[in-house]
PDB file of N, CA and C in Angstrom:
ATOM      1  N   MET A   1       9.414 -13.973 -13.020  1.00  0.00           N
ATOM      2  CA  MET A   1       9.133 -13.042 -11.943  1.00  0.00           C
ATOM      3  C   MET A   1       7.962 -13.586 -11.138  1.00  0.00           C
ATOM      4  N   ASN A   2       8.191 -13.808  -9.862  1.00  0.00           N
ATOM      5  CA  ASN A   2       7.173 -14.355  -8.971  1.00  0.00           C
ATOM      6  C   ASN A   2       6.605 -13.230  -8.113  1.00  0.00           C
ATOM      7  N   LEU A   3       5.349 -12.862  -8.362  1.00  0.00           N
ATOM      8  CA  LEU A   3       4.737 -11.757  -7.642  1.00  0.00           C
ATOM      9  C   LEU A   3       4.013 -12.243  -6.389  1.00  0.00           C
ATOM     10  N   ILE A   4       4.148 -11.480  -5.336  1.00  0.00           N
ATOM     11  CA  ILE A   4       3.469 -11.731  -4.067  1.00  0.00           C
ATOM     12  C   ILE A   4       2.602 -10.516  -3.789  1.00  0.00           C
ATOM     13  N   LEU A   5       1.409 -10.723  -3.252  1.00  0.00           N
ATOM     14  CA  LEU A   5       0.549  -9.607  -2.887  1.00  0.00           C
ATOM     15  C   LEU A   5       0.944  -9.131  -1.488  1.00  0.00           C
ATOM     16  N   TRP A   6       1.523  -7.927  -1.418  1.00  0.00           N
ATOM     17  CA  TRP A   6       1.989  -7.346  -0.161  1.00  0.00           C
ATOM     18  C   TRP A   6       0.972  -6.355   0.371  1.00  0.00           C
ATOM     19  N   THR A   7       0.808  -6.341   1.671  1.00  0.00           N
ATOM     20  CA  THR A   7       0.044  -5.301   2.346  1.00  0.00           C
ATOM     21  C   THR A   7       1.065  -4.280   2.824  1.00  0.00           C
ATOM     22  N   VAL A   8       0.940  -3.055   2.315  1.00  0.00           N
ATOM     23  CA  VAL A   8       1.862  -1.980   2.675  1.00  0.00           C
ATOM     24  C   VAL A   8       1.054  -0.914   3.405  1.00  0.00           C
ATOM     25  N   ALA A   9       1.554  -0.471   4.541  1.00  0.00           N
ATOM     26  CA  ALA A   9       0.833   0.515   5.343  1.00  0.00           C
ATOM     27  C   ALA A   9       1.721   1.721   5.621  1.00  0.00           C
ATOM     28  N   ARG A  10       1.077   2.889   5.625  1.00  0.00           N
ATOM     29  CA  ARG A  10       1.762   4.129   6.022  1.00  0.00           C
ATOM     30  C   ARG A  10       1.090   4.622   7.293  1.00  0.00           C
ATOM     31  N   PHE A  11       1.865   4.695   8.360  1.00  0.00           N
ATOM     32  CA  PHE A  11       1.355   5.143   9.652  1.00  0.00           C
ATOM     33  C   PHE A  11       1.230   6.662   9.664  1.00  0.00           C
ATOM     34  N   PRO A  12       0.396   7.207  10.544  1.00  0.00           N
ATOM     35  CA  PRO A  12       0.250   8.668  10.635  1.00  0.00           C
ATOM     36  C   PRO A  12       1.580   9.400  10.869  1.00  0.00           C
ATOM     37  N   SER A  13       2.542   8.729  11.463  1.00  0.00           N
ATOM     38  CA  SER A  13       3.859   9.336  11.712  1.00  0.00           C
ATOM     39  C   SER A  13       4.687   9.452  10.436  1.00  0.00           C
ATOM     40  N   GLY A  14       4.252   8.768   9.359  1.00  0.00           N
ATOM     41  CA  GLY A  14       4.990   8.780   8.103  1.00  0.00           C
ATOM     42  C   GLY A  14       5.822   7.527   7.890  1.00  0.00           C
ATOM     43  N   MET A  15       5.878   6.651   8.878  1.00  0.00           N
ATOM     44  CA  MET A  15       6.634   5.400   8.765  1.00  0.00           C
ATOM     45  C   MET A  15       5.882   4.423   7.868  1.00  0.00           C
ATOM     46  N   TRP A  16       6.626   3.685   7.043  1.00  0.00           N
ATOM     47  CA  TRP A  16       6.056   2.672   6.154  1.00  0.00           C
ATOM     48  C   TRP A  16       6.383   1.280   6.680  1.00  0.00           C
ATOM     49  N   CYS A  17       5.472   0.348   6.447  1.00  0.00           N
ATOM     50  CA  CYS A  17       5.640  -1.028   6.888  1.00  0.00           C
ATOM     51  C   CYS A  17       4.987  -1.933   5.846  1.00  0.00           C
ATOM     52  N   ALA A  18       5.549  -3.108   5.627  1.00  0.00           N
ATOM     53  CA  ALA A  18       4.963  -4.048   4.674  1.00  0.00           C
ATOM     54  C   ALA A  18       4.871  -5.425   5.307  1.00  0.00           C
ATOM     55  N   GLY A  19       3.764  -6.087   5.080  1.00  0.00           N
ATOM     56  CA  GLY A  19       3.536  -7.418   5.613  1.00  0.00           C
ATOM     57  C   GLY A  19       2.287  -7.443   6.464  1.00  0.00           C
ATOM     58  N   GLY A  20       1.856  -8.605   6.826  1.00  0.00           N
ATOM     59  CA  GLY A  20       0.658  -8.742   7.643  1.00  0.00           C
ATOM     60  C   GLY A  20      -0.605  -8.713   6.794  1.00  0.00           C
ATOM     61  N   LYS A  21      -1.724  -8.651   7.478  1.00  0.00           N
ATOM     62  CA  LYS A  21      -3.026  -8.652   6.818  1.00  0.00           C
ATOM     63  C   LYS A  21      -3.632  -7.258   6.866  1.00  0.00           C
ATOM     64  N   VAL A  22      -4.491  -6.971   5.911  1.00  0.00           N
ATOM     65  CA  VAL A  22      -5.186  -5.685   5.885  1.00  0.00           C
ATOM     66  C   VAL A  22      -5.948  -5.473   7.187  1.00  0.00           C
ATOM     67  N   SER A  23      -6.484  -6.543   7.743  1.00  0.00           N
ATOM     68  CA  SER A  23      -7.312  -6.451   8.950  1.00  0.00           C
ATOM     69  C   SER A  23      -6.502  -6.314  10.244  1.00  0.00           C
ATOM     70  N   ASP A  24      -5.188  -6.260  10.154  1.00  0.00           N
ATOM     71  CA  ASP A  24      -4.336  -6.142  11.340  1.00  0.00           C
ATOM     72  C   ASP A  24      -4.741  -4.907  12.154  1.00  0.00           C
ATOM     73  N   PRO A  25      -5.025  -5.061  13.450  1.00  0.00           N
ATOM     74  CA  PRO A  25      -5.430  -3.919  14.280  1.00  0.00           C
ATOM     75  C   PRO A  25      -4.404  -2.781  14.307  1.00  0.00           C
ATOM     76  N   ASP A  26      -3.133  -3.100  14.099  1.00  0.00           N
ATOM     77  CA  ASP A  26      -2.096  -2.066  14.070  1.00  0.00           C
ATOM     78  C   ASP A  26      -2.302  -1.081  12.922  1.00  0.00           C
ATOM     79  N   TYR A  27      -3.035  -1.501  11.882  1.00  0.00           N
ATOM     80  CA  TYR A  27      -3.243  -0.674  10.698  1.00  0.00           C
ATOM     81  C   TYR A  27      -4.529   0.158  10.766  1.00  0.00           C
ATOM     82  N   SER A  28      -5.184   0.200  11.921  1.00  0.00           N
ATOM     83  CA  SER A  28      -6.492   0.859  12.024  1.00  0.00           C
ATOM     84  C   SER A  28      -6.466   2.343  11.662  1.00  0.00           C
ATOM     85  N   LYS A  29      -5.368   3.024  11.865  1.00  0.00           N
ATOM     86  CA  LYS A  29      -5.279   4.454  11.548  1.00  0.00           C
ATOM     87  C   LYS A  29      -4.324   4.717  10.385  1.00  0.00           C
ATOM     88  N   CYS A  30      -3.994   3.663   9.640  1.00  0.00           N
ATOM     89  CA  CYS A  30      -3.016   3.754   8.558  1.00  0.00           C
ATOM     90  C   CYS A  30      -3.679   3.892   7.192  1.00  0.00           C
ATOM     91  N   GLU A  31      -2.867   4.366   6.243  1.00  0.00           N
ATOM     92  CA  GLU A  31      -3.217   4.235   4.837  1.00  0.00           C
ATOM     93  C   GLU A  31      -2.774   2.819   4.464  1.00  0.00           C
ATOM     94  N   VAL A  32      -3.623   2.069   3.775  1.00  0.00           N
ATOM     95  CA  VAL A  32      -3.292   0.674   3.461  1.00  0.00           C
ATOM     96  C   VAL A  32      -3.355   0.459   1.945  1.00  0.00           C
ATOM     97  N   TYR A  33      -2.304  -0.151   1.430  1.00  0.00           N
ATOM     98  CA  TYR A  33      -2.176  -0.443  -0.002  1.00  0.00           C
ATOM     99  C   TYR A  33      -1.932  -1.938  -0.159  1.00  0.00           C
ATOM    100  N   GLN A  34      -2.527  -2.556  -1.161  1.00  0.00           N
ATOM    101  CA  GLN A  34      -2.249  -3.952  -1.491  1.00  0.00           C
ATOM    102  C   GLN A  34      -1.545  -3.957  -2.840  1.00  0.00           C
ATOM    103  N   ILE A  35      -0.281  -4.330  -2.818  1.00  0.00           N
ATOM    104  CA  ILE A  35       0.597  -4.192  -3.974  1.00  0.00           C
ATOM    105  C   ILE A  35       1.248  -5.527  -4.337  1.00  0.00           C
ATOM    106  N   PRO A  36       1.058  -5.984  -5.579  1.00  0.00           N
ATOM    107  CA  PRO A  36       1.769  -7.186  -6.013  1.00  0.00           C
ATOM    108  C   PRO A  36       3.176  -6.814  -6.482  1.00  0.00           C
ATOM    109  N   ASP A  37       4.171  -7.482  -5.955  1.00  0.00           N
ATOM    110  CA  ASP A  37       5.546  -7.234  -6.395  1.00  0.00           C
ATOM    111  C   ASP A  37       6.436  -8.385  -5.949  1.00  0.00           C
ATOM    112  N   GLU A  38       7.693  -8.335  -6.371  1.00  0.00           N
ATOM    113  CA  GLU A  38       8.647  -9.406  -6.097  1.00  0.00           C
ATOM    114  C   GLU A  38       9.064  -9.463  -4.624  1.00  0.00           C
ATOM    115  N   ASN A  39       9.216  -8.288  -4.014  1.00  0.00           N
ATOM    116  CA  ASN A  39       9.656  -8.264  -2.620  1.00  0.00           C
ATOM    117  C   ASN A  39       9.076  -7.053  -1.904  1.00  0.00           C
ATOM    118  N   ARG A  40       9.256  -7.028  -0.618  1.00  0.00           N
ATOM    119  CA  ARG A  40       8.667  -5.988   0.242  1.00  0.00           C
ATOM    120  C   ARG A  40       9.203  -4.603  -0.093  1.00  0.00           C
ATOM    121  N   GLU A  41      10.484  -4.480  -0.410  1.00  0.00           N
ATOM    122  CA  GLU A  41      11.062  -3.177  -0.716  1.00  0.00           C
ATOM    123  C   GLU A  41      10.449  -2.580  -1.980  1.00  0.00           C
ATOM    124  N   LYS A  42      10.317  -3.398  -3.021  1.00  0.00           N
ATOM    125  CA  LYS A  42       9.715  -2.926  -4.276  1.00  0.00           C
ATOM    126  C   LYS A  42       8.244  -2.572  -4.073  1.00  0.00           C
ATOM    127  N   ALA A  43       7.537  -3.361  -3.288  1.00  0.00           N
ATOM    128  CA  ALA A  43       6.125  -3.084  -3.018  1.00  0.00           C
ATOM    129  C   ALA A  43       5.974  -1.767  -2.259  1.00  0.00           C
ATOM    130  N   THR A  44       6.865  -1.522  -1.310  1.00  0.00           N
ATOM    131  CA  THR A  44       6.818  -0.278  -0.547  1.00  0.00           C
ATOM    132  C   THR A  44       7.105   0.922  -1.453  1.00  0.00           C
ATOM    133  N   LYS A  45       8.103   0.816  -2.316  1.00  0.00           N
ATOM    134  CA  LYS A  45       8.424   1.905  -3.255  1.00  0.00           C
ATOM    135  C   LYS A  45       7.232   2.179  -4.180  1.00  0.00           C
ATOM    136  N   ARG A  46       6.589   1.134  -4.660  1.00  0.00           N
ATOM    137  CA  ARG A  46       5.440   1.291  -5.545  1.00  0.00           C
ATOM    138  C   ARG A  46       4.290   1.986  -4.799  1.00  0.00           C
ATOM    139  N   ALA A  47       4.050   1.589  -3.556  1.00  0.00           N
ATOM    140  CA  ALA A  47       2.995   2.216  -2.752  1.00  0.00           C
ATOM    141  C   ALA A  47       3.320   3.689  -2.510  1.00  0.00           C
ATOM    142  N   GLN A  48       4.581   4.006  -2.281  1.00  0.00           N
ATOM    143  CA  GLN A  48       4.978   5.401  -2.078  1.00  0.00           C
ATOM    144  C   GLN A  48       4.721   6.230  -3.333  1.00  0.00           C
ATOM    145  N   GLY A  49       4.980   5.646  -4.503  1.00  0.00           N
ATOM    146  CA  GLY A  49       4.711   6.337  -5.761  1.00  0.00           C
ATOM    147  C   GLY A  49       3.222   6.557  -5.979  1.00  0.00           C
ATOM    148  N   ILE A  50       2.432   5.543  -5.653  1.00  0.00           N
ATOM    149  CA  ILE A  50       0.978   5.656  -5.782  1.00  0.00           C
ATOM    150  C   ILE A  50       0.465   6.744  -4.856  1.00  0.00           C
ATOM    151  N   ARG A  51       0.971   6.756  -3.615  1.00  0.00           N
ATOM    152  CA  ARG A  51       0.538   7.778  -2.657  1.00  0.00           C
ATOM    153  C   ARG A  51       0.890   9.173  -3.155  1.00  0.00           C
ATOM    154  N   SER A  52       2.079   9.318  -3.708  1.00  0.00           N
ATOM    155  CA  SER A  52       2.505  10.613  -4.228  1.00  0.00           C
ATOM    156  C   SER A  52       1.548  11.119  -5.303  1.00  0.00           C
ATOM    157  N   ARG A  53       1.151  10.237  -6.212  1.00  0.00           N
ATOM    158  CA  ARG A  53       0.203  10.623  -7.271  1.00  0.00           C
ATOM    159  C   ARG A  53      -1.164  10.968  -6.698  1.00  0.00           C
ATOM    160  N   LEU A  54      -1.618  10.208  -5.700  1.00  0.00           N
ATOM    161  CA  LEU A  54      -2.908  10.497  -5.071  1.00  0.00           C
ATOM    162  C   LEU A  54      -2.894  11.873  -4.400  1.00  0.00           C
ATOM    163  N   VAL A  55      -1.789  12.194  -3.726  1.00  0.00           N
ATOM    164  CA  VAL A  55      -1.665  13.488  -3.052  1.00  0.00           C
ATOM    165  C   VAL A  55      -1.642  14.613  -4.090  1.00  0.00           C
ATOM    166  N   LYS A  56      -0.872  14.439  -5.178  1.00  0.00           N
ATOM    167  CA  LYS A  56      -0.773  15.470  -6.221  1.00  0.00           C
ATOM    168  C   LYS A  56      -2.122  15.765  -6.857  1.00  0.00           C
ATOM    169  N   THR A  57      -2.944  14.730  -7.039  1.00  0.00           N
ATOM    170  CA  THR A  57      -4.244  14.933  -7.692  1.00  0.00           C
ATOM    171  C   THR A  57      -5.341  15.273  -6.698  1.00  0.00           C
ATOM    172  N   GLY A  58      -5.016  15.282  -5.423  1.00  0.00           N
ATOM    173  CA  GLY A  58      -6.012  15.600  -4.408  1.00  0.00           C
ATOM    174  C   GLY A  58      -7.015  14.481  -4.187  1.00  0.00           C
ATOM    175  N   SER A  59      -6.664  13.276  -4.592  1.00  0.00           N
ATOM    176  CA  SER A  59      -7.544  12.121  -4.425  1.00  0.00           C
ATOM    177  C   SER A  59      -7.562  11.665  -2.968  1.00  0.00           C
ATOM    178  N   GLN A  60      -8.617  10.972  -2.617  1.00  0.00           N
ATOM    179  CA  GLN A  60      -8.733  10.453  -1.257  1.00  0.00           C
ATOM    180  C   GLN A  60      -7.705   9.344  -1.038  1.00  0.00           C
ATOM    181  N   LEU A  61      -7.065   9.375   0.115  1.00  0.00           N
ATOM    182  CA  LEU A  61      -6.072   8.361   0.443  1.00  0.00           C
ATOM    183  C   LEU A  61      -6.774   7.118   0.980  1.00  0.00           C
ATOM    184  N   PRO A  62      -6.200   5.944   0.726  1.00  0.00           N
ATOM    185  CA  PRO A  62      -6.829   4.705   1.177  1.00  0.00           C
ATOM    186  C   PRO A  62      -6.784   4.540   2.688  1.00  0.00           C
ATOM    187  N   THR A  63      -7.689   3.728   3.193  1.00  0.00           N
ATOM    188  CA  THR A  63      -7.763   3.439   4.628  1.00  0.00           C
ATOM    189  C   THR A  63      -7.791   1.930   4.809  1.00  0.00           C
ATOM    190  N   GLN A  64      -7.809   1.506   6.044  1.00  0.00           N
ATOM    191  CA  GLN A  64      -7.909   0.075   6.311  1.00  0.00           C
ATOM    192  C   GLN A  64      -9.257  -0.454   5.809  1.00  0.00           C
ATOM    193  N   ALA A  65     -10.306   0.336   5.967  1.00  0.00           N
ATOM    194  CA  ALA A  65     -11.632  -0.087   5.525  1.00  0.00           C
ATOM    195  C   ALA A  65     -11.760  -0.086   3.998  1.00  0.00           C
ATOM    196  N   ALA A  66     -10.997   0.772   3.331  1.00  0.00           N
ATOM    197  CA  ALA A  66     -11.038   0.862   1.867  1.00  0.00           C
ATOM    198  C   ALA A  66      -9.606   0.967   1.341  1.00  0.00           C
ATOM    199  N   PRO A  67      -8.865  -0.162   1.344  1.00  0.00           N
ATOM    200  CA  PRO A  67      -7.464  -0.120   0.906  1.00  0.00           C
ATOM    201  C   PRO A  67      -7.343   0.082  -0.604  1.00  0.00           C
ATOM    202  N   TYR A  68      -6.209   0.603  -1.030  1.00  0.00           N
ATOM    203  CA  TYR A  68      -5.893   0.733  -2.447  1.00  0.00           C
ATOM    204  C   TYR A  68      -5.441  -0.640  -2.920  1.00  0.00           C
ATOM    205  N   LYS A  69      -6.081  -1.169  -3.940  1.00  0.00           N
ATOM    206  CA  LYS A  69      -5.726  -2.501  -4.446  1.00  0.00           C
ATOM    207  C   LYS A  69      -5.217  -2.390  -5.869  1.00  0.00           C
ATOM    208  N   LEU A  70      -3.952  -2.714  -6.062  1.00  0.00           N
ATOM    209  CA  LEU A  70      -3.351  -2.745  -7.383  1.00  0.00           C
ATOM    210  C   LEU A  70      -3.481  -4.175  -7.892  1.00  0.00           C
ATOM    211  N   GLU A  71      -4.161  -4.332  -9.016  1.00  0.00           N
ATOM    212  CA  GLU A  71      -4.375  -5.674  -9.561  1.00  0.00           C
ATOM    213  C   GLU A  71      -3.045  -6.292 -10.007  1.00  0.00           C
ATOM    214  N   ILE A  72      -2.905  -7.579  -9.811  1.00  0.00           N
ATOM    215  CA  ILE A  72      -1.668  -8.293 -10.146  1.00  0.00           C
ATOM    216  C   ILE A  72      -1.350  -8.178 -11.626  1.00  0.00           C
ATOM    217  N   SER A  73      -2.345  -8.244 -12.485  1.00  0.00           N
ATOM    218  CA  SER A  73      -2.095  -8.184 -13.924  1.00  0.00           C
ATOM    219  C   SER A  73      -1.918  -6.759 -14.421  1.00  0.00           C
ATOM    220  N   ALA A  74      -2.141  -5.758 -13.570  1.00  0.00           N
ATOM    221  CA  ALA A  74      -2.089  -4.359 -13.997  1.00  0.00           C
ATOM    222  C   ALA A  74      -0.994  -3.606 -13.261  1.00  0.00           C
ATOM    223  N   LYS A  75       0.233  -4.132 -13.274  1.00  0.00           N
ATOM    224  CA  LYS A  75       1.336  -3.430 -12.618  1.00  0.00           C
ATOM    225  C   LYS A  75       1.543  -2.091 -13.287  1.00  0.00           C
ATOM    226  N   GLU A  76       1.714  -1.060 -12.468  1.00  0.00           N
ATOM    227  CA  GLU A  76       1.931   0.292 -12.998  1.00  0.00           C
ATOM    228  C   GLU A  76       3.363   0.488 -13.368  1.00  0.00           C
TER     229      GLU A  76
END
């Protein structure tokens, strides 16, 4: 299994996107997640699951300035 570190973003409209850099200006108002996974679809699904848990627990959602970083060795 070859893992790639994906940048996954959720726009205020609810649309999800994966790819690019955390510093991308398009992500300035987005929730930003850095997720290691095999492909973009799996990384996006994992980020959606993480977001769901954060919302359920009332935790602060990540931003471009403070993205959620899932460690490569600590896949959930």
